[in-house]
Amino acid sequence: MPQEVRRWVDLRKQVAYRCKRINTGHMVEADQRFGGREALGPHGVMLFFVSDAPAEPHGYRLHTAYRLWLASPDSDDLPRLLADLDGVARDNITRAASARRRWHPLGPDGSMVNGGDMSLPEHATYVGLGVSTLDSDQGRWYQLAHTLRDLPATGHRLSVFDLKGQAYVLLTDGTAMHIDRDPHARLGVDGIRCNRTLDADRVTYYNRHEHLTEDGDDATRAVWRHLGALHRTLTAHLHGGRPA
């Protein structure tokens, strides 16, 4: 398999691992701040970049910046949050262009992020966008957070480390991934569904997730649709017509 293909396979795995790590941190922080004035909302956005790193196995290093929001009606509605963010990004691009500057989502002006890798090496390249959400098939975050606090103190008590989380990812090579972070998953079950291969040694195979972004209920498809719109805005701007 060509080295470039192997690099993308490796990148998908690295991004999936990074998503799980950020989602876990997001959940723990949201649990600690739950009910307070600085309570966190259940959704966050992640931006992925790579820089050249010849000493690394595949010649690149992954950088991830993210944005978490305080709890509010606006930040609780994920499709609306993504649509608003796309509008803000477009406004920032237009405003910077009118001043003969080039906007970047990491700032310094109009930054889209407030955590993670807040600065990048020179010539780092945008490779994708993701969502971290604390909602899962166990329930909505606010319901789950209340459940943790309402359970009786006797017997087995659930903690935030028992809760699942999710991530949605789009990469510039056409990859779409859904990551189900389950702390009680069986050994060998990684919770990753992807429309592209995750095995560099499998040349041909049937991929039941080929149409991942079209699967699921209306709410899930709305997340993919608005995430895709924001991803296209950032890709067109940051790559400027160059191959992604």
C-alpha atoms as a PDB file:
ATOM      1  CA  MET A   1       0.000   0.000   0.000  1.00  0.00           C
ATOM      2  CA  PRO A   2       1.395   3.473  -0.895  1.00  0.00           C
ATOM      3  CA  GLN A   3       3.016   5.379   1.976  1.00  0.00           C
ATOM      4  CA  GLU A   4       0.514   8.249   1.653  1.00  0.00           C
ATOM      5  CA  VAL A   5      -2.378   5.816   2.167  1.00  0.00           C
ATOM      6  CA  ARG A   6      -0.664   4.305   5.196  1.00  0.00           C
ATOM      7  CA  ARG A   7      -0.174   7.797   6.592  1.00  0.00           C
ATOM      8  CA  TRP A   8      -3.908   8.536   6.326  1.00  0.00           C
ATOM      9  CA  VAL A   9      -4.769   5.223   7.985  1.00  0.00           C
ATOM     10  CA  ASP A  10      -2.433   6.084  10.839  1.00  0.00           C
ATOM     11  CA  LEU A  11      -3.870   9.607  11.054  1.00  0.00           C
ATOM     12  CA  ARG A  12      -7.434   8.272  11.379  1.00  0.00           C
ATOM     13  CA  LYS A  13      -6.354   6.131  14.326  1.00  0.00           C
ATOM     14  CA  GLN A  14      -4.453   9.012  15.935  1.00  0.00           C
ATOM     15  CA  VAL A  15      -7.456  11.319  15.543  1.00  0.00           C
ATOM     16  CA  ALA A  16      -9.791   8.706  17.030  1.00  0.00           C
ATOM     17  CA  TYR A  17      -7.516   8.272  20.057  1.00  0.00           C
ATOM     18  CA  ARG A  18      -7.250  12.041  20.471  1.00  0.00           C
ATOM     19  CA  CYS A  19     -11.047  12.355  20.308  1.00  0.00           C
ATOM     20  CA  LYS A  20     -11.494   9.786  23.074  1.00  0.00           C
ATOM     21  CA  ARG A  21      -8.948  11.549  25.264  1.00  0.00           C
ATOM     22  CA  ILE A  22     -10.521  14.975  24.776  1.00  0.00           C
ATOM     23  CA  ASN A  23     -14.027  13.603  25.278  1.00  0.00           C
ATOM     24  CA  THR A  24     -12.962  12.009  28.576  1.00  0.00           C
ATOM     25  CA  GLY A  25     -11.425  15.288  29.762  1.00  0.00           C
ATOM     26  CA  HIS A  26     -14.521  17.180  28.616  1.00  0.00           C
ATOM     27  CA  MET A  27     -16.765  14.853  30.648  1.00  0.00           C
ATOM     28  CA  VAL A  28     -14.658  14.982  33.807  1.00  0.00           C
ATOM     29  CA  GLU A  29     -14.461  18.787  33.663  1.00  0.00           C
ATOM     30  CA  ALA A  30     -18.209  19.070  32.999  1.00  0.00           C
ATOM     31  CA  ASP A  31     -18.919  16.812  35.985  1.00  0.00           C
ATOM     32  CA  GLN A  32     -16.692  18.856  38.290  1.00  0.00           C
ATOM     33  CA  ARG A  33     -18.334  22.124  37.228  1.00  0.00           C
ATOM     34  CA  PHE A  34     -21.907  20.820  37.001  1.00  0.00           C
ATOM     35  CA  GLY A  35     -24.497  23.088  38.582  1.00  0.00           C
ATOM     36  CA  GLY A  36     -22.105  26.018  39.050  1.00  0.00           C
ATOM     37  CA  ARG A  37     -21.848  29.376  37.336  1.00  0.00           C
ATOM     38  CA  GLU A  38     -19.033  28.025  35.144  1.00  0.00           C
ATOM     39  CA  ALA A  39     -20.859  24.816  34.158  1.00  0.00           C
ATOM     40  CA  LEU A  40     -19.802  23.403  30.804  1.00  0.00           C
ATOM     41  CA  GLY A  41     -22.149  22.600  27.948  1.00  0.00           C
ATOM     42  CA  PRO A  42     -22.297  19.053  26.565  1.00  0.00           C
ATOM     43  CA  HIS A  43     -20.703  19.776  23.169  1.00  0.00           C
ATOM     44  CA  GLY A  44     -17.277  20.856  21.948  1.00  0.00           C
ATOM     45  CA  VAL A  45     -15.518  21.330  18.616  1.00  0.00           C
ATOM     46  CA  MET A  46     -12.058  19.993  17.756  1.00  0.00           C
ATOM     47  CA  LEU A  47      -9.729  21.166  14.967  1.00  0.00           C
ATOM     48  CA  PHE A  48      -6.978  18.871  13.650  1.00  0.00           C
ATOM     49  CA  PHE A  49      -3.710  19.961  12.042  1.00  0.00           C
ATOM     50  CA  VAL A  50      -0.538  18.139  11.057  1.00  0.00           C
ATOM     51  CA  SER A  51       3.037  19.358  10.785  1.00  0.00           C
ATOM     52  CA  ASP A  52       6.051  17.690   9.209  1.00  0.00           C
ATOM     53  CA  ALA A  53       7.996  15.570  11.690  1.00  0.00           C
ATOM     54  CA  PRO A  54      10.576  13.438   9.846  1.00  0.00           C
ATOM     55  CA  ALA A  55      11.570  11.595  13.024  1.00  0.00           C
ATOM     56  CA  GLU A  56       8.013  10.272  13.561  1.00  0.00           C
ATOM     57  CA  PRO A  57       7.060   6.856  12.090  1.00  0.00           C
ATOM     58  CA  HIS A  58       4.828   8.368   9.383  1.00  0.00           C
ATOM     59  CA  GLY A  59       6.603  11.712   9.083  1.00  0.00           C
ATOM     60  CA  TYR A  60       3.986  13.915  10.744  1.00  0.00           C
ATOM     61  CA  ARG A  61       2.802  15.164  14.130  1.00  0.00           C
ATOM     62  CA  LEU A  62      -0.880  15.682  14.982  1.00  0.00           C
ATOM     63  CA  HIS A  63      -1.999  18.899  16.685  1.00  0.00           C
ATOM     64  CA  THR A  64      -5.471  19.335  18.170  1.00  0.00           C
ATOM     65  CA  ALA A  65      -7.135  22.522  19.377  1.00  0.00           C
ATOM     66  CA  TYR A  66     -10.646  22.531  20.791  1.00  0.00           C
ATOM     67  CA  ARG A  67     -13.451  24.783  21.925  1.00  0.00           C
ATOM     68  CA  LEU A  68     -15.759  24.091  24.873  1.00  0.00           C
ATOM     69  CA  TRP A  69     -18.692  26.324  25.764  1.00  0.00           C
ATOM     70  CA  LEU A  70     -20.328  27.280  29.024  1.00  0.00           C
ATOM     71  CA  ALA A  71     -23.761  25.728  29.502  1.00  0.00           C
ATOM     72  CA  SER A  72     -26.516  27.764  27.845  1.00  0.00           C
ATOM     73  CA  PRO A  73     -29.544  27.135  25.617  1.00  0.00           C
ATOM     74  CA  ASP A  74     -27.433  28.065  22.565  1.00  0.00           C
ATOM     75  CA  SER A  75     -24.599  25.673  23.402  1.00  0.00           C
ATOM     76  CA  ASP A  76     -26.974  22.791  24.179  1.00  0.00           C
ATOM     77  CA  ASP A  77     -28.281  22.529  20.593  1.00  0.00           C
ATOM     78  CA  LEU A  78     -25.460  20.910  18.604  1.00  0.00           C
ATOM     79  CA  PRO A  79     -26.696  21.469  15.022  1.00  0.00           C
ATOM     80  CA  ARG A  80     -27.468  25.106  15.848  1.00  0.00           C
ATOM     81  CA  LEU A  81     -24.075  25.516  17.518  1.00  0.00           C
ATOM     82  CA  LEU A  82     -22.307  24.221  14.405  1.00  0.00           C
ATOM     83  CA  ALA A  83     -24.406  26.393  12.094  1.00  0.00           C
ATOM     84  CA  ASP A  84     -23.638  29.485  14.190  1.00  0.00           C
ATOM     85  CA  LEU A  85     -19.935  28.621  14.211  1.00  0.00           C
ATOM     86  CA  ASP A  86     -19.941  28.300  10.431  1.00  0.00           C
ATOM     87  CA  GLY A  87     -21.522  31.758  10.172  1.00  0.00           C
ATOM     88  CA  VAL A  88     -18.916  33.213  12.523  1.00  0.00           C
ATOM     89  CA  ALA A  89     -16.087  31.614  10.535  1.00  0.00           C
ATOM     90  CA  ARG A  90     -17.435  33.035   7.271  1.00  0.00           C
ATOM     91  CA  ASP A  91     -17.766  36.495   8.835  1.00  0.00           C
ATOM     92  CA  ASN A  92     -14.206  36.324  10.163  1.00  0.00           C
ATOM     93  CA  ILE A  93     -12.870  35.282   6.752  1.00  0.00           C
ATOM     94  CA  THR A  94     -14.680  38.156   5.030  1.00  0.00           C
ATOM     95  CA  ARG A  95     -13.711  40.736   7.648  1.00  0.00           C
ATOM     96  CA  ALA A  96     -10.032  39.769   7.550  1.00  0.00           C
ATOM     97  CA  ALA A  97      -9.986  39.770   3.751  1.00  0.00           C
ATOM     98  CA  SER A  98     -11.450  43.284   3.656  1.00  0.00           C
ATOM     99  CA  ALA A  99      -8.564  44.416   5.874  1.00  0.00           C
ATOM    100  CA  ARG A 100      -6.104  42.522   3.648  1.00  0.00           C
ATOM    101  CA  ARG A 101      -5.335  40.015   6.360  1.00  0.00           C
ATOM    102  CA  ARG A 102      -5.771  36.262   6.481  1.00  0.00           C
ATOM    103  CA  TRP A 103      -7.910  34.841   9.266  1.00  0.00           C
ATOM    104  CA  HIS A 104      -6.911  31.637  11.053  1.00  0.00           C
ATOM    105  CA  PRO A 105      -9.273  29.686  13.339  1.00  0.00           C
ATOM    106  CA  LEU A 106      -6.608  29.619  16.072  1.00  0.00           C
ATOM    107  CA  GLY A 107      -6.389  33.401  16.067  1.00  0.00           C
ATOM    108  CA  PRO A 108      -5.019  35.707  17.214  1.00  0.00           C
ATOM    109  CA  ASP A 109      -8.173  37.499  16.003  1.00  0.00           C
ATOM    110  CA  GLY A 110     -11.507  35.705  16.132  1.00  0.00           C
ATOM    111  CA  SER A 111     -10.097  32.484  17.574  1.00  0.00           C
ATOM    112  CA  MET A 112     -12.446  29.492  17.429  1.00  0.00           C
ATOM    113  CA  VAL A 113     -10.661  27.593  20.209  1.00  0.00           C
ATOM    114  CA  ASN A 114      -9.958  27.878  23.929  1.00  0.00           C
ATOM    115  CA  GLY A 115      -7.967  24.736  24.689  1.00  0.00           C
ATOM    116  CA  GLY A 116      -5.463  22.196  23.405  1.00  0.00           C
ATOM    117  CA  ASP A 117      -2.681  23.144  20.984  1.00  0.00           C
ATOM    118  CA  MET A 118      -3.319  26.876  20.821  1.00  0.00           C
ATOM    119  CA  SER A 119      -0.282  27.579  18.626  1.00  0.00           C
ATOM    120  CA  LEU A 120       1.043  25.622  15.672  1.00  0.00           C
ATOM    121  CA  PRO A 121       4.410  25.088  14.001  1.00  0.00           C
ATOM    122  CA  GLU A 122       4.920  27.067  10.831  1.00  0.00           C
ATOM    123  CA  HIS A 123       3.296  25.475   7.768  1.00  0.00           C
ATOM    124  CA  ALA A 124       1.033  23.198   9.836  1.00  0.00           C
ATOM    125  CA  THR A 125      -1.858  21.993   7.654  1.00  0.00           C
ATOM    126  CA  TYR A 126      -5.544  21.719   8.501  1.00  0.00           C
ATOM    127  CA  VAL A 127      -6.696  18.105   8.116  1.00  0.00           C
ATOM    128  CA  GLY A 128     -10.101  18.001   9.751  1.00  0.00           C
ATOM    129  CA  LEU A 129     -12.777  18.881  12.223  1.00  0.00           C
ATOM    130  CA  GLY A 130     -14.614  17.013  14.953  1.00  0.00           C
ATOM    131  CA  VAL A 131     -17.280  17.232  17.616  1.00  0.00           C
ATOM    132  CA  SER A 132     -17.039  15.974  21.194  1.00  0.00           C
ATOM    133  CA  THR A 133     -20.400  15.372  22.826  1.00  0.00           C
ATOM    134  CA  LEU A 134     -21.367  14.072  26.257  1.00  0.00           C
ATOM    135  CA  ASP A 135     -24.751  12.895  25.008  1.00  0.00           C
ATOM    136  CA  SER A 136     -24.844   9.178  24.215  1.00  0.00           C
ATOM    137  CA  ASP A 137     -27.188   6.224  23.926  1.00  0.00           C
ATOM    138  CA  GLN A 138     -27.173   6.216  27.747  1.00  0.00           C
ATOM    139  CA  GLY A 139     -29.035   9.540  27.676  1.00  0.00           C
ATOM    140  CA  ARG A 140     -28.582  13.293  27.468  1.00  0.00           C
ATOM    141  CA  TRP A 141     -25.732  14.776  29.513  1.00  0.00           C
ATOM    142  CA  TYR A 142     -27.875  16.805  31.906  1.00  0.00           C
ATOM    143  CA  GLN A 143     -30.055  13.802  32.662  1.00  0.00           C
ATOM    144  CA  LEU A 144     -27.002  11.613  33.285  1.00  0.00           C
ATOM    145  CA  ALA A 145     -25.268  14.224  35.455  1.00  0.00           C
ATOM    146  CA  HIS A 146     -28.367  14.501  37.656  1.00  0.00           C
ATOM    147  CA  THR A 147     -28.567  10.706  37.863  1.00  0.00           C
ATOM    148  CA  LEU A 148     -25.022  10.529  39.241  1.00  0.00           C
ATOM    149  CA  ARG A 149     -26.045  12.867  42.038  1.00  0.00           C
ATOM    150  CA  ASP A 150     -29.489  11.416  42.762  1.00  0.00           C
ATOM    151  CA  LEU A 151     -28.459   7.788  43.222  1.00  0.00           C
ATOM    152  CA  PRO A 152     -28.527   6.492  46.836  1.00  0.00           C
ATOM    153  CA  ALA A 153     -25.173   6.293  48.556  1.00  0.00           C
ATOM    154  CA  THR A 154     -25.627   2.565  49.318  1.00  0.00           C
ATOM    155  CA  GLY A 155     -24.660  -0.202  46.913  1.00  0.00           C
ATOM    156  CA  HIS A 156     -22.811   0.278  43.607  1.00  0.00           C
ATOM    157  CA  ARG A 157     -22.627   3.945  42.756  1.00  0.00           C
ATOM    158  CA  LEU A 158     -22.020   5.117  39.212  1.00  0.00           C
ATOM    159  CA  SER A 159     -19.351   7.725  38.592  1.00  0.00           C
ATOM    160  CA  VAL A 160     -18.544   9.957  35.660  1.00  0.00           C
ATOM    161  CA  PHE A 161     -15.977   7.350  34.627  1.00  0.00           C
ATOM    162  CA  ASP A 162     -18.824   4.918  33.880  1.00  0.00           C
ATOM    163  CA  LEU A 163     -20.411   7.228  31.317  1.00  0.00           C
ATOM    164  CA  LYS A 164     -20.036   6.981  27.570  1.00  0.00           C
ATOM    165  CA  GLY A 165     -19.295   9.833  25.157  1.00  0.00           C
ATOM    166  CA  GLN A 166     -19.209  10.352  21.406  1.00  0.00           C
ATOM    167  CA  ALA A 167     -17.265  12.107  18.684  1.00  0.00           C
ATOM    168  CA  TYR A 168     -17.984  12.887  15.033  1.00  0.00           C
ATOM    169  CA  VAL A 169     -15.069  13.569  12.680  1.00  0.00           C
ATOM    170  CA  LEU A 170     -14.566  14.724   9.081  1.00  0.00           C
ATOM    171  CA  LEU A 171     -11.091  14.770   7.500  1.00  0.00           C
ATOM    172  CA  THR A 172      -9.901  16.420   4.311  1.00  0.00           C
ATOM    173  CA  ASP A 173      -9.348  13.107   2.484  1.00  0.00           C
ATOM    174  CA  GLY A 174     -13.079  12.359   2.680  1.00  0.00           C
ATOM    175  CA  THR A 175     -12.917  10.380   5.935  1.00  0.00           C
ATOM    176  CA  ALA A 176     -15.977  10.376   8.186  1.00  0.00           C
ATOM    177  CA  MET A 177     -15.706   8.735  11.605  1.00  0.00           C
ATOM    178  CA  HIS A 178     -18.042   8.198  14.516  1.00  0.00           C
ATOM    179  CA  ILE A 179     -16.331   7.286  17.780  1.00  0.00           C
ATOM    180  CA  ASP A 180     -18.315   5.706  20.595  1.00  0.00           C
ATOM    181  CA  ARG A 181     -16.230   6.051  23.766  1.00  0.00           C
ATOM    182  CA  ASP A 182     -17.386   3.301  26.109  1.00  0.00           C
ATOM    183  CA  PRO A 183     -15.322   2.818  29.296  1.00  0.00           C
ATOM    184  CA  HIS A 184     -16.828  -0.668  29.710  1.00  0.00           C
ATOM    185  CA  ALA A 185     -16.343  -1.867  26.135  1.00  0.00           C
ATOM    186  CA  ARG A 186     -15.092  -5.431  25.689  1.00  0.00           C
ATOM    187  CA  LEU A 187     -11.400  -5.859  24.959  1.00  0.00           C
ATOM    188  CA  GLY A 188     -10.781  -5.289  21.266  1.00  0.00           C
ATOM    189  CA  VAL A 189     -13.943  -3.220  20.700  1.00  0.00           C
ATOM    190  CA  ASP A 190     -12.734   0.289  19.853  1.00  0.00           C
ATOM    191  CA  GLY A 191     -16.127   1.861  19.073  1.00  0.00           C
ATOM    192  CA  ILE A 192     -14.899   3.395  15.796  1.00  0.00           C
ATOM    193  CA  ARG A 193     -17.090   3.427  12.702  1.00  0.00           C
ATOM    194  CA  CYS A 194     -15.357   4.830   9.626  1.00  0.00           C
ATOM    195  CA  ASN A 195     -16.170   5.149   5.929  1.00  0.00           C
ATOM    196  CA  ARG A 196     -12.487   4.579   5.072  1.00  0.00           C
ATOM    197  CA  THR A 197     -10.165   1.727   6.018  1.00  0.00           C
ATOM    198  CA  LEU A 198      -8.468   1.560   9.413  1.00  0.00           C
ATOM    199  CA  ASP A 199      -6.252  -1.342   8.321  1.00  0.00           C
ATOM    200  CA  ALA A 200      -3.372  -0.446   6.014  1.00  0.00           C
ATOM    201  CA  ASP A 201      -2.899  -4.110   5.045  1.00  0.00           C
ATOM    202  CA  ARG A 202      -6.450  -4.704   3.801  1.00  0.00           C
ATOM    203  CA  VAL A 203      -6.644  -3.648   0.172  1.00  0.00           C
ATOM    204  CA  THR A 204     -10.195  -4.758  -0.626  1.00  0.00           C
ATOM    205  CA  TYR A 205     -13.059  -5.344   1.798  1.00  0.00           C
ATOM    206  CA  TYR A 206     -16.723  -4.569   2.267  1.00  0.00           C
ATOM    207  CA  ASN A 207     -17.220  -1.442   4.385  1.00  0.00           C
ATOM    208  CA  ARG A 208     -20.687  -1.353   5.926  1.00  0.00           C
ATOM    209  CA  HIS A 209     -20.012   2.235   7.069  1.00  0.00           C
ATOM    210  CA  GLU A 210     -19.407   3.566   3.553  1.00  0.00           C
ATOM    211  CA  HIS A 211     -22.435   5.872   3.869  1.00  0.00           C
ATOM    212  CA  LEU A 212     -21.881   6.746   7.527  1.00  0.00           C
ATOM    213  CA  THR A 213     -22.988  10.380   7.282  1.00  0.00           C
ATOM    214  CA  GLU A 214     -26.337   9.330   5.811  1.00  0.00           C
ATOM    215  CA  ASP A 215     -27.092   6.746   8.501  1.00  0.00           C
ATOM    216  CA  GLY A 216     -28.867   7.292  11.795  1.00  0.00           C
ATOM    217  CA  ASP A 217     -31.856   9.362  12.823  1.00  0.00           C
ATOM    218  CA  ASP A 218     -32.724  12.917  11.769  1.00  0.00           C
ATOM    219  CA  ALA A 219     -30.797  14.456  14.673  1.00  0.00           C
ATOM    220  CA  THR A 220     -27.632  12.505  13.801  1.00  0.00           C
ATOM    221  CA  ARG A 221     -27.845  13.419  10.126  1.00  0.00           C
ATOM    222  CA  ALA A 222     -28.318  17.079  11.117  1.00  0.00           C
ATOM    223  CA  VAL A 223     -25.055  16.935  13.072  1.00  0.00           C
ATOM    224  CA  TRP A 224     -23.226  15.484  10.056  1.00  0.00           C
ATOM    225  CA  ARG A 225     -24.789  18.072   7.730  1.00  0.00           C
ATOM    226  CA  HIS A 226     -23.795  21.108   9.792  1.00  0.00           C
ATOM    227  CA  LEU A 227     -20.386  19.667  10.653  1.00  0.00           C
ATOM    228  CA  GLY A 228     -19.855  19.173   6.917  1.00  0.00           C
ATOM    229  CA  ALA A 229     -20.766  22.778   6.130  1.00  0.00           C
ATOM    230  CA  LEU A 230     -18.255  24.110   8.670  1.00  0.00           C
ATOM    231  CA  HIS A 231     -15.609  21.650   7.455  1.00  0.00           C
ATOM    232  CA  ARG A 232     -16.070  22.818   3.849  1.00  0.00           C
ATOM    233  CA  THR A 233     -15.776  26.467   4.921  1.00  0.00           C
ATOM    234  CA  LEU A 234     -12.508  25.826   6.782  1.00  0.00           C
ATOM    235  CA  THR A 235     -11.062  23.549   4.086  1.00  0.00           C
ATOM    236  CA  ALA A 236     -11.785  26.026   1.266  1.00  0.00           C
ATOM    237  CA  HIS A 237     -10.286  28.885   3.262  1.00  0.00           C
ATOM    238  CA  LEU A 238      -7.244  27.192   4.781  1.00  0.00           C
ATOM    239  CA  HIS A 239      -6.277  25.217   1.674  1.00  0.00           C
ATOM    240  CA  GLY A 240      -7.131  28.021  -0.730  1.00  0.00           C
ATOM    241  CA  GLY A 241      -7.803  25.737  -3.639  1.00  0.00           C
ATOM    242  CA  ARG A 242      -4.758  23.583  -2.953  1.00  0.00           C
ATOM    243  CA  PRO A 243      -5.235  19.798  -2.551  1.00  0.00           C
ATOM    244  CA  ALA A 244      -6.318  18.890   0.978  1.00  0.00           C
END
